C-alpha atoms as a PDB file:
ATOM      1  CA  MET A   1    -194.997  88.614 -26.085  1.00  0.00           C
ATOM      2  CA  GLN A   2    -192.696  88.215 -29.265  1.00  0.00           C
ATOM      3  CA  PHE A   3    -194.075  91.310 -30.851  1.00  0.00           C
ATOM      4  CA  LEU A   4    -192.476  93.263 -27.920  1.00  0.00           C
ATOM      5  CA  ASP A   5    -189.384  91.307 -27.104  1.00  0.00           C
ATOM      6  CA  GLY A   6    -188.463  89.905 -30.506  1.00  0.00           C
ATOM      7  CA  ASP A   7    -188.098  86.316 -31.287  1.00  0.00           C
ATOM      8  CA  THR A   8    -185.476  83.608 -32.331  1.00  0.00           C
ATOM      9  CA  SER A   9    -185.613  84.236 -35.857  1.00  0.00           C
ATOM     10  CA  GLY A  10    -183.946  87.517 -35.543  1.00  0.00           C
ATOM     11  CA  ASN A  11    -186.681  90.104 -35.375  1.00  0.00           C
ATOM     12  CA  PRO A  12    -185.685  92.567 -32.809  1.00  0.00           C
ATOM     13  CA  GLY A  13    -189.224  93.438 -31.496  1.00  0.00           C
ATOM     14  CA  ILE A  14    -190.935  96.792 -31.158  1.00  0.00           C
ATOM     15  CA  PHE A  15    -189.175  97.399 -27.834  1.00  0.00           C
ATOM     16  CA  LEU A  16    -185.562  97.317 -29.239  1.00  0.00           C
ATOM     17  CA  LEU A  17    -186.509  99.482 -32.312  1.00  0.00           C
ATOM     18  CA  LEU A  18    -188.110 102.021 -29.863  1.00  0.00           C
ATOM     19  CA  TYR A  19    -184.914 101.978 -27.610  1.00  0.00           C
ATOM     20  CA  LYS A  20    -182.563 102.485 -30.563  1.00  0.00           C
ATOM     21  CA  GLY A  21    -184.722 105.424 -31.760  1.00  0.00           C
ATOM     22  CA  ILE A  22    -184.599 107.228 -28.394  1.00  0.00           C
ATOM     23  CA  ASN A  23    -180.900 106.433 -28.097  1.00  0.00           C
ATOM     24  CA  SER A  24    -180.219 107.974 -31.514  1.00  0.00           C
ATOM     25  CA  ALA A  25    -182.242 111.191 -30.576  1.00  0.00           C
ATOM     26  CA  ASN A  26    -180.388 111.524 -27.288  1.00  0.00           C
ATOM     27  CA  ILE A  27    -177.038 111.262 -29.270  1.00  0.00           C
ATOM     28  CA  ILE A  28    -178.239 113.924 -31.946  1.00  0.00           C
ATOM     29  CA  ILE A  29    -179.373 116.236 -28.842  1.00  0.00           C
ATOM     30  CA  ASN A  30    -175.963 115.956 -26.994  1.00  0.00           C
ATOM     31  CA  ARG A  31    -173.718 116.317 -29.899  1.00  0.00           C
ATOM     32  CA  ALA A  32    -175.629 119.256 -31.412  1.00  0.00           C
ATOM     33  CA  LYS A  33    -173.841 121.247 -28.629  1.00  0.00           C
ATOM     34  CA  ASN A  34    -170.601 120.794 -30.266  1.00  0.00           C
ATOM     35  CA  PRO A  35    -169.547 123.817 -32.266  1.00  0.00           C
ATOM     36  CA  ASP A  36    -167.495 121.646 -34.714  1.00  0.00           C
ATOM     37  CA  VAL A  37    -170.570 120.090 -36.345  1.00  0.00           C
ATOM     38  CA  ASP A  38    -171.135 121.060 -39.894  1.00  0.00           C
ATOM     39  CA  TRP A  39    -175.025 121.714 -40.182  1.00  0.00           C
ATOM     40  CA  MET A  40    -174.541 122.228 -44.077  1.00  0.00           C
ATOM     41  CA  GLY A  41    -175.859 125.796 -44.011  1.00  0.00           C
ATOM     42  CA  ALA A  42    -174.609 128.371 -46.517  1.00  0.00           C
ATOM     43  CA  ASP A  43    -173.763 130.516 -43.771  1.00  0.00           C
ATOM     44  CA  GLU A  44    -174.288 130.947 -39.844  1.00  0.00           C
ATOM     45  CA  THR A  45    -178.061 131.745 -39.882  1.00  0.00           C
ATOM     46  CA  GLU A  46    -178.821 128.702 -42.038  1.00  0.00           C
ATOM     47  CA  ASN A  47    -176.734 126.663 -39.908  1.00  0.00           C
ATOM     48  CA  ILE A  48    -178.494 127.450 -36.595  1.00  0.00           C
ATOM     49  CA  ALA A  49    -181.750 126.947 -38.445  1.00  0.00           C
ATOM     50  CA  ASN A  50    -180.674 123.471 -39.506  1.00  0.00           C
ATOM     51  CA  ARG A  51    -179.539 122.612 -36.053  1.00  0.00           C
ATOM     52  CA  ASN A  52    -182.687 123.859 -34.688  1.00  0.00           C
ATOM     53  CA  LEU A  53    -184.613 121.593 -36.973  1.00  0.00           C
ATOM     54  CA  MET A  54    -182.419 118.629 -36.413  1.00  0.00           C
ATOM     55  CA  VAL A  55    -182.820 118.863 -32.495  1.00  0.00           C
ATOM     56  CA  ALA A  56    -186.511 119.563 -32.661  1.00  0.00           C
ATOM     57  CA  HIS A  57    -186.970 116.560 -34.761  1.00  0.00           C
ATOM     58  CA  ALA A  58    -184.930 114.560 -32.133  1.00  0.00           C
ATOM     59  CA  HIS A  59    -187.030 115.894 -29.152  1.00  0.00           C
ATOM     60  CA  LEU A  60    -190.050 114.588 -31.145  1.00  0.00           C
ATOM     61  CA  VAL A  61    -188.679 111.187 -31.544  1.00  0.00           C
ATOM     62  CA  ARG A  62    -187.687 111.124 -27.714  1.00  0.00           C
ATOM     63  CA  ALA A  63    -190.990 112.369 -26.702  1.00  0.00           C
END
């Protein structure tokens, strides 16, 4: 099952790639609660919209 687990040539395999994606999604979701994050919006409404979009994408990846 080298496709899943990787191989000796340095290919990580699908399991590791998916694990890293889910881990990154969890980090985004958890850090979105921090009020100090700059969501690069022009105003507070844009900041909230950008945050909600990124969190929604992270939830999609995690699902």
